[in-house]
N, C-alpha and C. Protein backbone atom coordinates (compact mmCIF):
# COMPACT_ATOMS: atom_id res chain seq x y z
N MET A 1 8.87 20.38 -3.40
CA MET A 1 9.47 19.17 -3.95
C MET A 1 9.44 18.06 -2.91
N ARG A 2 9.14 16.85 -3.37
CA ARG A 2 9.05 15.70 -2.47
C ARG A 2 10.44 15.14 -2.17
N ASP A 3 10.61 14.63 -0.95
CA ASP A 3 11.88 14.01 -0.57
C ASP A 3 12.09 12.68 -1.26
N VAL A 4 11.01 11.92 -1.41
CA VAL A 4 11.08 10.57 -1.98
C VAL A 4 9.95 10.43 -3.00
N THR A 5 10.29 9.96 -4.18
CA THR A 5 9.28 9.73 -5.21
C THR A 5 8.82 8.27 -5.16
N LEU A 6 7.74 8.00 -5.85
CA LEU A 6 7.29 6.61 -5.97
C LEU A 6 8.32 5.78 -6.72
N LEU A 7 8.96 6.39 -7.71
CA LEU A 7 9.98 5.66 -8.46
C LEU A 7 11.16 5.30 -7.57
N ASP A 8 11.53 6.19 -6.64
CA ASP A 8 12.58 5.87 -5.66
C ASP A 8 12.18 4.63 -4.87
N ILE A 9 10.95 4.60 -4.44
CA ILE A 9 10.44 3.46 -3.66
C ILE A 9 10.42 2.21 -4.53
N PHE A 10 9.82 2.33 -5.70
CA PHE A 10 9.68 1.19 -6.62
C PHE A 10 11.02 0.57 -6.97
N ASN A 11 12.04 1.39 -7.15
CA ASN A 11 13.36 0.89 -7.56
C ASN A 11 14.14 0.23 -6.42
N HIS A 12 13.73 0.42 -5.19
CA HIS A 12 14.46 -0.14 -4.05
C HIS A 12 14.22 -1.65 -3.96
N HIS A 13 15.28 -2.40 -3.74
CA HIS A 13 15.18 -3.87 -3.72
C HIS A 13 14.24 -4.39 -2.63
N ILE A 14 14.15 -3.71 -1.52
CA ILE A 14 13.23 -4.15 -0.45
C ILE A 14 11.78 -3.98 -0.92
N ALA A 15 11.48 -2.85 -1.53
CA ALA A 15 10.12 -2.63 -2.05
C ALA A 15 9.81 -3.67 -3.12
N GLN A 16 10.76 -3.92 -4.01
CA GLN A 16 10.54 -4.91 -5.07
C GLN A 16 10.18 -6.28 -4.47
N LYS A 17 10.92 -6.68 -3.45
CA LYS A 17 10.68 -7.98 -2.82
C LYS A 17 9.25 -8.09 -2.29
N TYR A 18 8.83 -7.09 -1.52
CA TYR A 18 7.53 -7.19 -0.86
C TYR A 18 6.37 -6.82 -1.77
N LEU A 19 6.57 -5.90 -2.71
CA LEU A 19 5.50 -5.57 -3.66
C LEU A 19 5.21 -6.76 -4.56
N ASN A 20 6.25 -7.45 -4.99
CA ASN A 20 6.05 -8.62 -5.83
C ASN A 20 5.40 -9.76 -5.05
N ARG A 21 5.75 -9.90 -3.79
CA ARG A 21 5.18 -10.96 -2.96
C ARG A 21 3.68 -10.76 -2.74
N SER A 22 3.29 -9.53 -2.51
CA SER A 22 1.89 -9.27 -2.17
C SER A 22 1.02 -8.91 -3.38
N GLY A 23 1.63 -8.72 -4.53
CA GLY A 23 0.88 -8.42 -5.74
C GLY A 23 1.11 -7.01 -6.23
N LEU A 24 2.04 -6.86 -7.15
CA LEU A 24 2.40 -5.54 -7.68
C LEU A 24 1.24 -4.88 -8.40
N ALA A 25 0.49 -5.64 -9.19
CA ALA A 25 -0.65 -5.06 -9.91
C ALA A 25 -1.67 -4.49 -8.92
N HIS A 26 -1.93 -5.21 -7.85
CA HIS A 26 -2.86 -4.74 -6.82
C HIS A 26 -2.32 -3.48 -6.14
N ALA A 27 -1.04 -3.47 -5.81
CA ALA A 27 -0.45 -2.32 -5.13
C ALA A 27 -0.57 -1.06 -5.99
N ILE A 28 -0.31 -1.19 -7.27
CA ILE A 28 -0.40 -0.04 -8.17
C ILE A 28 -1.85 0.41 -8.33
N ALA A 29 -2.77 -0.53 -8.45
CA ALA A 29 -4.18 -0.18 -8.56
C ALA A 29 -4.66 0.57 -7.31
N VAL A 30 -4.26 0.11 -6.15
CA VAL A 30 -4.65 0.77 -4.90
C VAL A 30 -4.02 2.16 -4.83
N ALA A 31 -2.80 2.31 -5.29
CA ALA A 31 -2.15 3.62 -5.31
C ALA A 31 -2.94 4.60 -6.18
N TYR A 32 -3.39 4.15 -7.34
CA TYR A 32 -4.21 5.01 -8.21
C TYR A 32 -5.55 5.37 -7.55
N HIS A 33 -6.19 4.38 -6.95
CA HIS A 33 -7.45 4.67 -6.24
C HIS A 33 -7.21 5.67 -5.11
N ALA A 34 -6.10 5.50 -4.39
CA ALA A 34 -5.76 6.41 -3.28
C ALA A 34 -5.55 7.83 -3.79
N PHE A 35 -4.92 7.96 -4.95
CA PHE A 35 -4.72 9.29 -5.54
C PHE A 35 -6.07 9.98 -5.75
N HIS A 36 -6.97 9.30 -6.43
CA HIS A 36 -8.26 9.91 -6.77
C HIS A 36 -9.10 10.19 -5.52
N LEU A 37 -9.08 9.27 -4.57
CA LEU A 37 -9.84 9.49 -3.33
C LEU A 37 -9.25 10.64 -2.51
N ALA A 38 -7.93 10.71 -2.44
CA ALA A 38 -7.28 11.79 -1.68
C ALA A 38 -7.60 13.15 -2.32
N LYS A 39 -7.56 13.19 -3.62
CA LYS A 39 -7.88 14.43 -4.33
C LYS A 39 -9.34 14.83 -4.06
N GLU A 40 -10.23 13.85 -4.14
CA GLU A 40 -11.66 14.10 -3.90
C GLU A 40 -11.94 14.60 -2.49
N HIS A 41 -11.17 14.08 -1.51
CA HIS A 41 -11.40 14.42 -0.10
C HIS A 41 -10.39 15.45 0.43
N GLN A 42 -9.70 16.11 -0.49
CA GLN A 42 -8.72 17.15 -0.14
C GLN A 42 -7.68 16.71 0.89
N GLN A 43 -7.13 15.51 0.66
CA GLN A 43 -6.05 15.00 1.51
C GLN A 43 -4.75 15.01 0.71
N ASP A 44 -3.65 14.85 1.39
CA ASP A 44 -2.33 14.86 0.76
C ASP A 44 -2.19 13.66 -0.18
N VAL A 45 -2.15 13.92 -1.48
CA VAL A 45 -2.10 12.83 -2.45
C VAL A 45 -0.79 12.06 -2.38
N ASP A 46 0.31 12.74 -2.08
CA ASP A 46 1.60 12.06 -1.98
C ASP A 46 1.59 11.00 -0.89
N ILE A 47 1.13 11.37 0.28
CA ILE A 47 1.07 10.43 1.41
C ILE A 47 0.09 9.30 1.10
N ALA A 48 -1.07 9.64 0.58
CA ALA A 48 -2.09 8.62 0.29
C ALA A 48 -1.59 7.61 -0.73
N VAL A 49 -0.95 8.08 -1.80
CA VAL A 49 -0.47 7.19 -2.85
C VAL A 49 0.64 6.28 -2.34
N LYS A 50 1.55 6.83 -1.57
CA LYS A 50 2.64 6.01 -1.01
C LYS A 50 2.07 4.93 -0.08
N ALA A 51 1.10 5.30 0.74
CA ALA A 51 0.47 4.31 1.62
C ALA A 51 -0.28 3.27 0.79
N GLY A 52 -0.96 3.71 -0.26
CA GLY A 52 -1.66 2.78 -1.13
C GLY A 52 -0.71 1.80 -1.80
N LEU A 53 0.40 2.30 -2.30
CA LEU A 53 1.38 1.44 -2.96
C LEU A 53 1.95 0.40 -1.99
N LEU A 54 2.25 0.83 -0.78
CA LEU A 54 2.96 -0.03 0.18
C LEU A 54 2.04 -0.76 1.15
N HIS A 55 0.74 -0.62 1.02
CA HIS A 55 -0.20 -1.08 2.05
C HIS A 55 -0.12 -2.58 2.36
N ASP A 56 0.28 -3.40 1.42
CA ASP A 56 0.31 -4.85 1.66
C ASP A 56 1.72 -5.42 1.77
N MET A 57 2.71 -4.59 2.00
CA MET A 57 4.07 -5.11 2.02
C MET A 57 4.37 -5.97 3.25
N GLY A 58 3.42 -6.12 4.13
CA GLY A 58 3.59 -6.99 5.29
C GLY A 58 3.02 -8.38 5.09
N HIS A 59 2.54 -8.68 3.90
CA HIS A 59 1.91 -9.98 3.67
C HIS A 59 2.88 -11.15 3.85
N TYR A 60 2.32 -12.17 4.42
CA TYR A 60 2.98 -13.46 4.55
C TYR A 60 2.07 -14.44 3.82
N THR A 61 2.65 -15.34 3.06
CA THR A 61 1.82 -16.29 2.32
C THR A 61 1.50 -17.49 3.21
N TRP A 62 0.23 -17.72 3.42
CA TRP A 62 -0.24 -18.82 4.27
C TRP A 62 -0.58 -20.02 3.40
N TYR A 63 0.28 -21.01 3.48
CA TYR A 63 0.07 -22.24 2.70
C TYR A 63 -0.16 -23.42 3.63
N LYS A 64 -0.97 -24.36 3.17
CA LYS A 64 -1.21 -25.60 3.89
C LYS A 64 -1.17 -26.71 2.84
N ASN A 65 -0.31 -27.67 3.05
CA ASN A 65 -0.13 -28.77 2.09
C ASN A 65 0.20 -28.25 0.69
N GLY A 66 1.04 -27.19 0.64
CA GLY A 66 1.48 -26.65 -0.63
C GLY A 66 0.47 -25.81 -1.38
N LYS A 67 -0.67 -25.50 -0.74
CA LYS A 67 -1.73 -24.74 -1.41
C LYS A 67 -2.12 -23.53 -0.54
N TRP A 68 -2.36 -22.39 -1.19
CA TRP A 68 -2.78 -21.18 -0.49
C TRP A 68 -4.03 -21.47 0.32
N ASP A 69 -4.00 -21.11 1.60
CA ASP A 69 -5.11 -21.35 2.50
C ASP A 69 -5.66 -20.00 2.96
N TYR A 70 -6.69 -19.52 2.28
CA TYR A 70 -7.26 -18.21 2.57
C TYR A 70 -7.84 -18.16 3.99
N ASP A 71 -8.45 -19.22 4.45
CA ASP A 71 -9.01 -19.24 5.80
C ASP A 71 -7.92 -19.12 6.86
N LEU A 72 -6.81 -19.82 6.66
CA LEU A 72 -5.67 -19.73 7.58
C LEU A 72 -5.14 -18.30 7.62
N TYR A 73 -5.05 -17.69 6.44
CA TYR A 73 -4.62 -16.29 6.34
C TYR A 73 -5.56 -15.39 7.14
N LYS A 74 -6.88 -15.52 6.93
CA LYS A 74 -7.85 -14.66 7.60
C LYS A 74 -7.80 -14.82 9.12
N GLN A 75 -7.50 -16.03 9.60
CA GLN A 75 -7.47 -16.28 11.04
C GLN A 75 -6.20 -15.74 11.70
N ASN A 76 -5.08 -15.73 10.98
CA ASN A 76 -3.79 -15.45 11.61
C ASN A 76 -3.07 -14.22 11.07
N ASP A 77 -3.68 -13.50 10.19
CA ASP A 77 -3.03 -12.39 9.50
C ASP A 77 -2.72 -11.21 10.41
N ILE A 78 -1.51 -10.68 10.29
CA ILE A 78 -1.13 -9.41 10.91
C ILE A 78 -0.35 -8.56 9.90
N HIS A 79 -0.68 -8.72 8.60
CA HIS A 79 0.11 -8.04 7.57
C HIS A 79 0.11 -6.52 7.70
N ALA A 80 -0.93 -5.96 8.24
CA ALA A 80 -0.97 -4.50 8.39
C ALA A 80 0.07 -4.03 9.41
N ILE A 81 0.27 -4.80 10.46
CA ILE A 81 1.26 -4.45 11.48
C ILE A 81 2.67 -4.56 10.89
N LYS A 82 2.94 -5.70 10.27
CA LYS A 82 4.26 -5.93 9.68
C LYS A 82 4.52 -4.95 8.53
N GLY A 83 3.50 -4.68 7.73
CA GLY A 83 3.66 -3.77 6.60
C GLY A 83 3.94 -2.34 7.04
N ALA A 84 3.27 -1.89 8.09
CA ALA A 84 3.51 -0.54 8.61
C ALA A 84 4.97 -0.40 9.05
N GLU A 85 5.46 -1.42 9.72
CA GLU A 85 6.86 -1.40 10.17
C GLU A 85 7.83 -1.40 8.99
N ARG A 86 7.61 -2.29 8.03
CA ARG A 86 8.50 -2.37 6.87
C ARG A 86 8.47 -1.09 6.06
N ALA A 87 7.29 -0.54 5.83
CA ALA A 87 7.17 0.68 5.05
C ALA A 87 7.87 1.85 5.74
N HIS A 88 7.68 1.97 7.04
CA HIS A 88 8.31 3.06 7.78
C HIS A 88 9.83 2.97 7.68
N LYS A 89 10.36 1.80 7.90
CA LYS A 89 11.81 1.59 7.82
C LYS A 89 12.34 1.92 6.42
N LEU A 90 11.65 1.45 5.40
CA LEU A 90 12.05 1.71 4.02
C LEU A 90 12.02 3.21 3.72
N LEU A 91 10.94 3.87 4.08
CA LEU A 91 10.80 5.29 3.79
C LEU A 91 11.86 6.13 4.50
N ILE A 92 12.14 5.82 5.74
CA ILE A 92 13.18 6.55 6.47
C ILE A 92 14.53 6.32 5.81
N ARG A 93 14.83 5.08 5.43
CA ARG A 93 16.09 4.77 4.72
C ARG A 93 16.23 5.58 3.44
N LEU A 94 15.11 5.76 2.73
CA LEU A 94 15.14 6.48 1.47
C LEU A 94 15.20 8.00 1.65
N GLY A 95 15.00 8.48 2.88
CA GLY A 95 15.09 9.91 3.15
C GLY A 95 13.75 10.63 3.20
N GLU A 96 12.68 9.88 3.40
CA GLU A 96 11.35 10.50 3.51
C GLU A 96 11.28 11.36 4.76
N ASN A 97 10.50 12.42 4.68
CA ASN A 97 10.23 13.26 5.83
C ASN A 97 9.64 12.36 6.93
N PRO A 98 10.21 12.39 8.14
CA PRO A 98 9.76 11.49 9.21
C PRO A 98 8.27 11.63 9.57
N ILE A 99 7.74 12.84 9.48
CA ILE A 99 6.32 13.04 9.78
C ILE A 99 5.46 12.35 8.73
N LYS A 100 5.85 12.49 7.46
CA LYS A 100 5.13 11.81 6.38
C LYS A 100 5.28 10.30 6.50
N ALA A 101 6.49 9.84 6.83
CA ALA A 101 6.73 8.39 6.96
C ALA A 101 5.83 7.80 8.04
N LYS A 102 5.66 8.52 9.13
CA LYS A 102 4.78 8.04 10.21
C LYS A 102 3.32 8.02 9.75
N ALA A 103 2.88 9.07 9.07
CA ALA A 103 1.49 9.11 8.58
C ALA A 103 1.23 7.97 7.60
N ILE A 104 2.19 7.68 6.73
CA ILE A 104 2.07 6.58 5.77
C ILE A 104 1.98 5.25 6.51
N ALA A 105 2.88 5.06 7.49
CA ALA A 105 2.89 3.81 8.25
C ALA A 105 1.57 3.61 9.00
N LEU A 106 1.04 4.66 9.58
CA LEU A 106 -0.24 4.54 10.30
C LEU A 106 -1.39 4.25 9.34
N ALA A 107 -1.36 4.84 8.15
CA ALA A 107 -2.41 4.55 7.15
C ALA A 107 -2.34 3.08 6.73
N ILE A 108 -1.13 2.55 6.63
CA ILE A 108 -0.96 1.13 6.31
C ILE A 108 -1.47 0.27 7.47
N LEU A 109 -1.13 0.65 8.68
CA LEU A 109 -1.55 -0.10 9.86
C LEU A 109 -3.07 -0.22 9.92
N PHE A 110 -3.78 0.84 9.58
CA PHE A 110 -5.23 0.85 9.73
C PHE A 110 -6.00 0.66 8.42
N HIS A 111 -5.34 0.13 7.38
CA HIS A 111 -6.04 -0.06 6.09
C HIS A 111 -6.98 -1.26 6.09
N THR A 112 -6.92 -2.07 7.11
CA THR A 112 -7.76 -3.26 7.21
C THR A 112 -8.15 -3.51 8.66
N ASP A 113 -9.22 -4.25 8.83
CA ASP A 113 -9.66 -4.65 10.18
C ASP A 113 -9.24 -6.08 10.48
N SER A 114 -8.52 -6.71 9.57
CA SER A 114 -8.27 -8.15 9.68
C SER A 114 -7.54 -8.56 10.95
N PHE A 115 -6.73 -7.68 11.51
CA PHE A 115 -5.96 -8.06 12.70
C PHE A 115 -6.58 -7.52 13.98
N LEU A 116 -7.62 -6.72 13.86
CA LEU A 116 -8.22 -6.08 15.03
C LEU A 116 -9.24 -7.00 15.71
N PRO A 117 -9.29 -7.00 17.04
CA PRO A 117 -10.27 -7.83 17.74
C PRO A 117 -11.70 -7.33 17.54
N SER A 118 -11.86 -6.04 17.23
CA SER A 118 -13.19 -5.50 16.96
C SER A 118 -13.07 -4.52 15.79
N ASN A 119 -14.21 -4.13 15.26
CA ASN A 119 -14.24 -3.28 14.07
C ASN A 119 -14.66 -1.86 14.43
N ASP A 120 -14.24 -1.36 15.59
CA ASP A 120 -14.73 -0.06 16.07
C ASP A 120 -13.66 1.04 16.07
N ILE A 121 -12.63 0.88 15.27
CA ILE A 121 -11.57 1.88 15.22
C ILE A 121 -12.05 3.14 14.49
N VAL A 122 -11.61 4.27 14.97
CA VAL A 122 -11.92 5.54 14.31
C VAL A 122 -10.67 5.95 13.53
N ARG A 123 -10.82 6.04 12.22
CA ARG A 123 -9.69 6.36 11.35
C ARG A 123 -9.65 7.85 11.01
N THR A 124 -8.44 8.33 10.73
CA THR A 124 -8.30 9.68 10.19
C THR A 124 -8.79 9.64 8.74
N PRO A 125 -9.04 10.79 8.13
CA PRO A 125 -9.45 10.79 6.72
C PRO A 125 -8.43 10.07 5.81
N LEU A 126 -7.16 10.27 6.03
CA LEU A 126 -6.13 9.60 5.22
C LEU A 126 -6.21 8.08 5.40
N GLN A 127 -6.32 7.63 6.62
CA GLN A 127 -6.41 6.19 6.89
C GLN A 127 -7.65 5.60 6.24
N GLN A 128 -8.74 6.31 6.27
CA GLN A 128 -9.98 5.84 5.65
C GLN A 128 -9.83 5.76 4.13
N ILE A 129 -9.14 6.71 3.55
CA ILE A 129 -8.90 6.72 2.10
C ILE A 129 -8.13 5.48 1.67
N VAL A 130 -7.09 5.12 2.41
CA VAL A 130 -6.29 3.94 2.05
C VAL A 130 -7.13 2.68 2.20
N LYS A 131 -7.97 2.62 3.22
CA LYS A 131 -8.88 1.48 3.39
C LYS A 131 -9.83 1.38 2.20
N TRP A 132 -10.45 2.49 1.83
CA TRP A 132 -11.38 2.49 0.69
C TRP A 132 -10.66 2.12 -0.61
N ALA A 133 -9.46 2.65 -0.80
CA ALA A 133 -8.70 2.36 -2.02
C ALA A 133 -8.41 0.87 -2.14
N ASP A 134 -8.05 0.25 -1.02
CA ASP A 134 -7.80 -1.20 -1.01
C ASP A 134 -9.09 -1.96 -1.33
N GLU A 135 -10.17 -1.57 -0.71
CA GLU A 135 -11.45 -2.26 -0.92
C GLU A 135 -11.93 -2.13 -2.37
N LYS A 136 -11.61 -1.04 -3.04
CA LYS A 136 -12.02 -0.85 -4.44
C LYS A 136 -11.38 -1.90 -5.36
N ASP A 137 -10.23 -2.44 -4.95
CA ASP A 137 -9.53 -3.38 -5.82
C ASP A 137 -9.59 -4.82 -5.33
N GLU A 138 -10.29 -5.07 -4.24
CA GLU A 138 -10.34 -6.44 -3.69
C GLU A 138 -11.12 -7.39 -4.58
N GLU A 139 -10.68 -8.65 -4.57
CA GLU A 139 -11.41 -9.73 -5.24
C GLU A 139 -11.61 -10.84 -4.21
N GLU A 140 -12.68 -11.54 -4.34
CA GLU A 140 -13.01 -12.62 -3.40
C GLU A 140 -11.87 -13.62 -3.28
N GLY A 141 -11.66 -14.07 -2.05
CA GLY A 141 -10.63 -15.09 -1.80
C GLY A 141 -9.21 -14.59 -1.94
N GLY A 142 -9.02 -13.27 -1.95
CA GLY A 142 -7.68 -12.71 -2.06
C GLY A 142 -7.07 -12.80 -3.45
N LEU A 143 -7.89 -13.03 -4.46
CA LEU A 143 -7.37 -13.20 -5.82
C LEU A 143 -6.69 -11.95 -6.37
N HIS A 144 -7.00 -10.80 -5.83
CA HIS A 144 -6.36 -9.56 -6.29
C HIS A 144 -4.85 -9.59 -6.08
N HIS A 145 -4.39 -10.41 -5.17
CA HIS A 145 -2.95 -10.51 -4.91
C HIS A 145 -2.22 -11.32 -5.98
N TYR A 146 -2.96 -11.97 -6.84
CA TYR A 146 -2.35 -12.86 -7.84
C TYR A 146 -2.43 -12.32 -9.26
N ARG A 147 -3.04 -11.13 -9.43
CA ARG A 147 -3.00 -10.50 -10.75
C ARG A 147 -1.55 -10.11 -11.05
N THR A 148 -1.19 -10.16 -12.31
CA THR A 148 0.19 -9.83 -12.67
C THR A 148 0.24 -8.58 -13.54
N ILE A 149 1.42 -8.00 -13.58
CA ILE A 149 1.68 -6.84 -14.42
C ILE A 149 3.13 -6.94 -14.89
N ASP A 150 3.36 -6.63 -16.13
CA ASP A 150 4.70 -6.61 -16.70
C ASP A 150 5.53 -5.53 -15.98
N TYR A 151 6.81 -5.82 -15.73
CA TYR A 151 7.67 -4.91 -14.98
C TYR A 151 7.70 -3.52 -15.62
N GLU A 152 7.88 -3.44 -16.93
CA GLU A 152 7.99 -2.13 -17.58
C GLU A 152 6.67 -1.37 -17.52
N ARG A 153 5.57 -2.09 -17.65
CA ARG A 153 4.26 -1.43 -17.53
C ARG A 153 4.08 -0.90 -16.10
N ALA A 154 4.51 -1.68 -15.12
CA ALA A 154 4.43 -1.25 -13.72
C ALA A 154 5.28 0.00 -13.51
N ARG A 155 6.48 -0.02 -14.03
CA ARG A 155 7.40 1.12 -13.90
C ARG A 155 6.79 2.38 -14.53
N GLN A 156 6.22 2.24 -15.71
CA GLN A 156 5.61 3.38 -16.38
C GLN A 156 4.39 3.89 -15.61
N SER A 157 3.64 2.99 -15.00
CA SER A 157 2.49 3.39 -14.17
C SER A 157 2.95 4.19 -12.96
N ILE A 158 4.06 3.80 -12.37
CA ILE A 158 4.64 4.50 -11.22
C ILE A 158 5.10 5.89 -11.65
N ILE A 159 5.77 5.98 -12.79
CA ILE A 159 6.24 7.27 -13.30
C ILE A 159 5.04 8.20 -13.54
N ARG A 160 3.99 7.65 -14.12
CA ARG A 160 2.78 8.46 -14.38
C ARG A 160 2.16 8.95 -13.07
N LEU A 161 2.11 8.10 -12.07
CA LEU A 161 1.59 8.51 -10.77
C LEU A 161 2.44 9.62 -10.16
N ASP A 162 3.77 9.49 -10.27
CA ASP A 162 4.66 10.55 -9.78
C ASP A 162 4.34 11.87 -10.46
N GLN A 163 4.11 11.84 -11.76
CA GLN A 163 3.78 13.05 -12.51
C GLN A 163 2.45 13.63 -12.05
N MET A 164 1.48 12.77 -11.79
CA MET A 164 0.17 13.21 -11.31
C MET A 164 0.30 13.89 -9.94
N ILE A 165 1.11 13.31 -9.07
CA ILE A 165 1.33 13.89 -7.74
C ILE A 165 2.01 15.23 -7.86
N ASP A 166 3.05 15.31 -8.70
CA ASP A 166 3.78 16.56 -8.89
C ASP A 166 2.85 17.66 -9.41
N LYS A 167 1.98 17.30 -10.32
CA LYS A 167 1.03 18.26 -10.89
C LYS A 167 0.08 18.79 -9.80
N GLU A 168 -0.36 17.92 -8.91
CA GLU A 168 -1.25 18.32 -7.81
C GLU A 168 -0.53 19.20 -6.82
N SER A 169 0.77 19.01 -6.66
CA SER A 169 1.55 19.73 -5.66
C SER A 169 1.98 21.11 -6.13
N ASP A 170 1.87 21.38 -7.43
CA ASP A 170 2.30 22.69 -7.97
C ASP A 170 1.43 23.82 -7.49
């Protein structure tokens, strides 16, 4: 049995704040991609899905003259660092196993190269899965962050993912 479910995470006000800021539809899509990739590569689906769901919770909106500035974001972004910290803190608060919380935070930290001075990092299989899952849902200019999803549909998608994880864990 898992210590923390996706629904536990989804229902928490901190998760709601940051998932909505960075794009809830994108977060859920990445979580689903992470599930399938983790299953395909024989990795822990629970950890992969949680990292996929929370991977962008460190986003800061970069605006210039009241308009989203994608170039400014690309030059100054450290969302993976901030997101890893926020996710770890949230998961520990919710009662997640500390070893799993750390693995999730590290997968979030390394899901992108945007903050790294070079692109030569060697990722663990789990970290690579979260990176691939994010890339599967990307749209040019960061538009994937602006897709919307109805709250109840999002909630039902989270419940379904929890059921899929539980089925894999049996």
